[in-house]
């Protein structure tokens, strides 16, 4: 991204303009990453909600694990961006208790 400064701008102004442009780009990236993480978490939760099979089966268990991982990734991304209100996000996304219990749990690979 090229920045054209006004004619006669001092070095200090040039640094300020570059810094402001960098901050704006960083903010745009934060918004984009939060949007992507939110959509992925919402889709994983929707996939789990749409599941019509045996809730005691391995497929349901895998969907729960996937939903928990995607919601956890979204929560971590939010915290990295400075948003720390996890409870309201869990409530807004209507995260089921079975997924809440698995948030932040790492499975052995």
N, C-alpha and C. Protein backbone atom coordinates (compact mmCIF):
# COMPACT_ATOMS: atom_id res chain seq x y z
N UNK A 1 0.84 -1.16 0.00
CA UNK A 1 0.00 0.00 0.00
C UNK A 1 0.89 1.23 0.00
N UNK A 2 0.73 2.10 -0.96
CA UNK A 2 1.53 3.30 -1.07
C UNK A 2 0.78 4.48 -0.46
N UNK A 3 1.52 5.31 0.24
CA UNK A 3 0.93 6.49 0.86
C UNK A 3 1.57 7.72 0.25
N UNK A 4 0.77 8.62 -0.24
CA UNK A 4 1.29 9.88 -0.77
C UNK A 4 1.02 10.97 0.26
N UNK A 5 2.09 11.55 0.74
CA UNK A 5 1.97 12.60 1.75
C UNK A 5 1.84 13.96 1.08
N UNK A 6 1.26 14.91 1.78
CA UNK A 6 1.16 16.26 1.23
C UNK A 6 2.54 16.85 0.97
N UNK A 7 2.64 17.72 -0.02
CA UNK A 7 3.91 18.36 -0.36
C UNK A 7 4.43 19.15 0.84
N UNK A 8 5.69 18.96 1.17
CA UNK A 8 6.31 19.70 2.26
C UNK A 8 6.11 19.06 3.63
N UNK A 9 5.64 17.84 3.67
CA UNK A 9 5.43 17.18 4.96
C UNK A 9 6.79 16.89 5.60
N UNK A 10 6.85 17.06 6.89
CA UNK A 10 8.11 16.79 7.60
C UNK A 10 8.24 15.29 7.82
N UNK A 11 9.42 14.87 8.24
CA UNK A 11 9.65 13.45 8.52
C UNK A 11 8.76 12.96 9.65
N UNK A 12 8.52 13.83 10.63
CA UNK A 12 7.65 13.45 11.72
C UNK A 12 6.24 13.19 11.21
N UNK A 13 5.75 14.02 10.33
CA UNK A 13 4.42 13.82 9.76
C UNK A 13 4.39 12.56 8.91
N UNK A 14 5.46 12.30 8.21
CA UNK A 14 5.52 11.10 7.38
C UNK A 14 5.45 9.85 8.27
N UNK A 15 6.16 9.89 9.37
CA UNK A 15 6.11 8.76 10.30
C UNK A 15 4.73 8.60 10.90
N UNK A 16 4.08 9.71 11.23
CA UNK A 16 2.72 9.65 11.79
C UNK A 16 1.74 9.08 10.78
N UNK A 17 1.86 9.49 9.53
CA UNK A 17 0.96 9.00 8.49
C UNK A 17 1.17 7.51 8.25
N UNK A 18 2.42 7.09 8.24
CA UNK A 18 2.72 5.67 8.03
C UNK A 18 2.19 4.85 9.20
N UNK A 19 2.36 5.39 10.39
CA UNK A 19 1.87 4.68 11.58
C UNK A 19 0.34 4.58 11.56
N UNK A 20 -0.32 5.65 11.19
CA UNK A 20 -1.78 5.64 11.11
C UNK A 20 -2.27 4.65 10.05
N UNK A 21 -1.57 4.59 8.93
CA UNK A 21 -1.94 3.64 7.87
C UNK A 21 -1.75 2.21 8.35
N UNK A 22 -0.65 1.98 9.07
CA UNK A 22 -0.40 0.65 9.62
C UNK A 22 -1.48 0.26 10.63
N UNK A 23 -1.84 1.19 11.51
CA UNK A 23 -2.88 0.92 12.51
C UNK A 23 -4.22 0.61 11.85
N UNK A 24 -4.55 1.34 10.78
CA UNK A 24 -5.80 1.09 10.07
C UNK A 24 -5.78 -0.29 9.42
N UNK A 25 -4.68 -0.66 8.82
CA UNK A 25 -4.56 -1.98 8.20
C UNK A 25 -4.64 -3.09 9.25
N UNK A 26 -4.01 -2.87 10.38
CA UNK A 26 -4.05 -3.84 11.47
C UNK A 26 -5.48 -4.02 11.99
N UNK A 27 -6.20 -2.93 12.14
CA UNK A 27 -7.59 -3.00 12.57
C UNK A 27 -8.44 -3.76 11.56
N UNK A 28 -8.22 -3.51 10.29
CA UNK A 28 -8.96 -4.24 9.25
C UNK A 28 -8.69 -5.74 9.32
N UNK A 29 -7.44 -6.12 9.57
CA UNK A 29 -7.09 -7.53 9.68
C UNK A 29 -7.73 -8.18 10.91
N UNK A 30 -7.79 -7.43 12.01
CA UNK A 30 -8.45 -7.95 13.22
C UNK A 30 -9.92 -8.21 12.96
N UNK A 31 -10.58 -7.26 12.32
CA UNK A 31 -11.99 -7.41 12.00
C UNK A 31 -12.21 -8.62 11.08
N UNK A 32 -11.37 -8.75 10.07
CA UNK A 32 -11.51 -9.86 9.13
C UNK A 32 -11.28 -11.20 9.82
N UNK A 33 -10.28 -11.28 10.68
CA UNK A 33 -9.99 -12.55 11.35
C UNK A 33 -11.09 -12.91 12.35
N UNK A 34 -11.64 -11.92 13.04
CA UNK A 34 -12.75 -12.19 13.95
C UNK A 34 -13.99 -12.64 13.19
N UNK A 35 -14.24 -12.02 12.06
CA UNK A 35 -15.39 -12.40 11.24
C UNK A 35 -15.25 -13.84 10.76
N UNK A 36 -14.07 -14.19 10.26
CA UNK A 36 -13.84 -15.56 9.79
C UNK A 36 -14.00 -16.56 10.93
N UNK A 37 -13.40 -16.28 12.07
CA UNK A 37 -13.47 -17.20 13.21
C UNK A 37 -14.91 -17.34 13.71
N UNK A 38 -15.65 -16.26 13.69
CA UNK A 38 -17.05 -16.31 14.12
C UNK A 38 -17.88 -17.17 13.18
N UNK A 39 -17.69 -17.00 11.89
CA UNK A 39 -18.44 -17.79 10.91
C UNK A 39 -18.12 -19.27 11.01
N UNK A 40 -16.86 -19.59 11.22
CA UNK A 40 -16.45 -20.99 11.34
C UNK A 40 -17.07 -21.61 12.60
N UNK A 41 -17.06 -20.87 13.71
CA UNK A 41 -17.65 -21.36 14.95
C UNK A 41 -19.16 -21.55 14.79
N UNK A 42 -19.82 -20.57 14.18
CA UNK A 42 -21.26 -20.67 13.97
C UNK A 42 -21.62 -21.87 13.08
N UNK A 43 -20.81 -22.11 12.05
CA UNK A 43 -21.07 -23.25 11.16
C UNK A 43 -20.89 -24.57 11.90
N UNK A 44 -19.85 -24.67 12.71
CA UNK A 44 -19.63 -25.90 13.48
C UNK A 44 -20.78 -26.15 14.44
N UNK A 45 -21.28 -25.10 15.08
CA UNK A 45 -22.42 -25.26 15.98
C UNK A 45 -23.69 -25.63 15.21
N UNK A 46 -23.87 -25.06 14.02
CA UNK A 46 -25.03 -25.38 13.19
C UNK A 46 -24.96 -26.84 12.72
N UNK A 47 -23.76 -27.30 12.36
CA UNK A 47 -23.59 -28.70 11.96
C UNK A 47 -23.96 -29.64 13.10
N UNK A 48 -23.56 -29.28 14.30
CA UNK A 48 -23.90 -30.09 15.47
C UNK A 48 -25.41 -30.07 15.71
N UNK A 49 -26.02 -28.90 15.63
CA UNK A 49 -27.46 -28.78 15.86
C UNK A 49 -28.27 -29.55 14.82
N UNK A 50 -27.75 -29.62 13.59
CA UNK A 50 -28.46 -30.30 12.51
C UNK A 50 -28.29 -31.82 12.54
N UNK A 51 -27.39 -32.30 13.38
CA UNK A 51 -27.13 -33.74 13.44
C UNK A 51 -28.36 -34.47 13.95
N UNK A 52 -28.78 -35.48 13.22
CA UNK A 52 -29.99 -36.22 13.57
C UNK A 52 -29.71 -37.68 13.94
N UNK A 53 -28.45 -38.00 14.08
CA UNK A 53 -28.10 -39.40 14.37
C UNK A 53 -28.07 -39.69 15.86
N UNK A 54 -27.38 -40.75 16.19
CA UNK A 54 -27.25 -41.22 17.57
C UNK A 54 -26.36 -40.27 18.36
N UNK A 55 -26.90 -39.69 19.44
CA UNK A 55 -26.11 -38.74 20.23
C UNK A 55 -25.02 -39.43 21.05
N UNK A 56 -25.07 -40.74 21.14
CA UNK A 56 -24.03 -41.48 21.85
C UNK A 56 -22.98 -42.06 20.90
N UNK A 57 -23.10 -41.72 19.61
CA UNK A 57 -22.19 -42.28 18.62
C UNK A 57 -20.93 -41.46 18.44
N UNK A 58 -20.01 -42.03 17.67
CA UNK A 58 -18.73 -41.37 17.44
C UNK A 58 -18.87 -40.16 16.53
N UNK A 59 -19.85 -40.17 15.63
CA UNK A 59 -20.04 -39.03 14.74
C UNK A 59 -20.48 -37.80 15.54
N UNK A 60 -21.40 -37.99 16.48
CA UNK A 60 -21.85 -36.89 17.33
C UNK A 60 -20.70 -36.39 18.18
N UNK A 61 -19.92 -37.32 18.70
CA UNK A 61 -18.76 -36.96 19.52
C UNK A 61 -17.76 -36.12 18.71
N UNK A 62 -17.55 -36.51 17.47
CA UNK A 62 -16.62 -35.77 16.60
C UNK A 62 -17.16 -34.37 16.31
N UNK A 63 -18.47 -34.25 16.10
CA UNK A 63 -19.08 -32.94 15.86
C UNK A 63 -18.96 -32.05 17.10
N UNK A 64 -19.14 -32.63 18.28
CA UNK A 64 -18.98 -31.87 19.53
C UNK A 64 -17.54 -31.38 19.69
N UNK A 65 -16.59 -32.27 19.41
CA UNK A 65 -15.18 -31.88 19.50
C UNK A 65 -14.85 -30.78 18.51
N UNK A 66 -15.36 -30.89 17.29
CA UNK A 66 -15.10 -29.88 16.27
C UNK A 66 -15.72 -28.55 16.66
N UNK A 67 -16.95 -28.58 17.16
CA UNK A 67 -17.61 -27.34 17.58
C UNK A 67 -16.85 -26.69 18.73
N UNK A 68 -16.42 -27.50 19.70
CA UNK A 68 -15.67 -26.96 20.83
C UNK A 68 -14.36 -26.33 20.37
N UNK A 69 -13.68 -26.98 19.45
CA UNK A 69 -12.41 -26.44 18.95
C UNK A 69 -12.62 -25.12 18.21
N UNK A 70 -13.65 -25.06 17.37
CA UNK A 70 -13.91 -23.83 16.60
C UNK A 70 -14.36 -22.68 17.51
N UNK A 71 -15.20 -22.98 18.50
CA UNK A 71 -15.63 -21.93 19.44
C UNK A 71 -14.43 -21.47 20.26
N UNK A 72 -13.60 -22.41 20.70
CA UNK A 72 -12.40 -22.05 21.47
C UNK A 72 -11.48 -21.15 20.65
N UNK A 73 -11.27 -21.48 19.39
CA UNK A 73 -10.43 -20.66 18.51
C UNK A 73 -10.99 -19.25 18.38
N UNK A 74 -12.31 -19.15 18.27
CA UNK A 74 -12.96 -17.84 18.18
C UNK A 74 -12.77 -17.05 19.48
N UNK A 75 -12.93 -17.71 20.61
CA UNK A 75 -12.75 -17.02 21.89
C UNK A 75 -11.31 -16.53 22.07
N UNK A 76 -10.36 -17.36 21.68
CA UNK A 76 -8.94 -16.96 21.77
C UNK A 76 -8.68 -15.77 20.85
N UNK A 77 -9.22 -15.81 19.64
CA UNK A 77 -9.03 -14.71 18.69
C UNK A 77 -9.62 -13.42 19.25
N UNK A 78 -10.78 -13.51 19.89
CA UNK A 78 -11.40 -12.34 20.50
C UNK A 78 -10.50 -11.77 21.60
N UNK A 79 -9.95 -12.65 22.43
CA UNK A 79 -9.09 -12.18 23.51
C UNK A 79 -7.82 -11.53 22.97
N UNK A 80 -7.28 -12.07 21.88
CA UNK A 80 -6.11 -11.47 21.26
C UNK A 80 -6.40 -10.07 20.74
N UNK A 81 -7.66 -9.83 20.38
CA UNK A 81 -8.07 -8.52 19.88
C UNK A 81 -8.52 -7.59 21.01
N UNK A 82 -8.48 -8.08 22.25
CA UNK A 82 -8.81 -7.23 23.38
C UNK A 82 -10.22 -7.38 23.92
N UNK A 83 -10.98 -8.33 23.42
CA UNK A 83 -12.33 -8.56 23.92
C UNK A 83 -12.29 -9.75 24.88
N UNK A 84 -12.68 -9.52 26.13
CA UNK A 84 -12.53 -10.57 27.12
C UNK A 84 -13.84 -11.13 27.66
N UNK A 85 -14.98 -10.69 27.16
CA UNK A 85 -16.25 -11.13 27.70
C UNK A 85 -16.68 -12.46 27.07
N UNK A 86 -16.15 -13.55 27.61
CA UNK A 86 -16.41 -14.88 27.07
C UNK A 86 -17.84 -15.34 27.33
N UNK A 87 -18.36 -15.04 28.50
CA UNK A 87 -19.69 -15.52 28.88
C UNK A 87 -20.78 -15.03 27.93
N UNK A 88 -20.70 -13.78 27.52
CA UNK A 88 -21.74 -13.25 26.62
C UNK A 88 -21.64 -13.89 25.24
N UNK A 89 -20.44 -14.20 24.79
CA UNK A 89 -20.26 -14.84 23.49
C UNK A 89 -20.82 -16.25 23.52
N UNK A 90 -20.52 -16.98 24.58
CA UNK A 90 -21.04 -18.34 24.72
C UNK A 90 -22.56 -18.30 24.76
N UNK A 91 -23.11 -17.32 25.44
CA UNK A 91 -24.56 -17.17 25.50
C UNK A 91 -25.14 -16.77 24.14
N UNK A 92 -24.52 -15.80 23.48
CA UNK A 92 -25.01 -15.32 22.17
C UNK A 92 -24.97 -16.42 21.12
N UNK A 93 -23.94 -17.25 21.16
CA UNK A 93 -23.82 -18.34 20.19
C UNK A 93 -24.66 -19.55 20.58
N UNK A 94 -25.27 -19.51 21.76
CA UNK A 94 -26.07 -20.62 22.27
C UNK A 94 -25.27 -21.93 22.25
N UNK A 95 -24.08 -21.86 22.82
CA UNK A 95 -23.19 -23.03 22.87
C UNK A 95 -23.80 -24.05 23.84
N UNK A 96 -24.09 -25.25 23.36
CA UNK A 96 -24.70 -26.25 24.23
C UNK A 96 -23.74 -26.70 25.34
N UNK A 97 -24.29 -27.16 26.46
CA UNK A 97 -23.44 -27.58 27.59
C UNK A 97 -22.40 -28.64 27.22
N UNK A 98 -22.76 -29.56 26.35
CA UNK A 98 -21.80 -30.62 25.97
C UNK A 98 -20.58 -30.03 25.27
N UNK A 99 -20.77 -28.94 24.55
CA UNK A 99 -19.65 -28.26 23.88
C UNK A 99 -18.90 -27.40 24.90
N UNK A 100 -19.62 -26.72 25.78
CA UNK A 100 -18.98 -25.87 26.80
C UNK A 100 -17.99 -26.67 27.64
N UNK A 101 -18.35 -27.92 27.97
CA UNK A 101 -17.47 -28.76 28.79
C UNK A 101 -16.16 -29.07 28.08
N UNK A 102 -16.18 -29.02 26.76
CA UNK A 102 -15.00 -29.39 25.98
C UNK A 102 -14.15 -28.18 25.56
N UNK A 103 -14.59 -26.98 25.86
CA UNK A 103 -13.84 -25.78 25.44
C UNK A 103 -12.44 -25.78 26.07
N UNK A 104 -11.45 -25.65 25.22
CA UNK A 104 -10.07 -25.58 25.68
C UNK A 104 -9.42 -26.92 25.97
N UNK A 105 -10.15 -28.00 25.78
CA UNK A 105 -9.60 -29.34 26.04
C UNK A 105 -8.89 -29.82 24.79
N UNK A 106 -7.64 -30.23 24.96
CA UNK A 106 -6.87 -30.75 23.81
C UNK A 106 -6.93 -32.26 23.83
N UNK A 107 -7.26 -32.81 22.67
CA UNK A 107 -7.29 -34.27 22.51
C UNK A 107 -5.92 -34.77 22.09
N UNK A 108 -5.58 -35.98 22.52
CA UNK A 108 -4.33 -36.59 22.05
C UNK A 108 -4.47 -36.92 20.59
N UNK A 109 -3.38 -36.72 19.87
CA UNK A 109 -3.41 -37.01 18.42
C UNK A 109 -2.72 -38.31 18.14
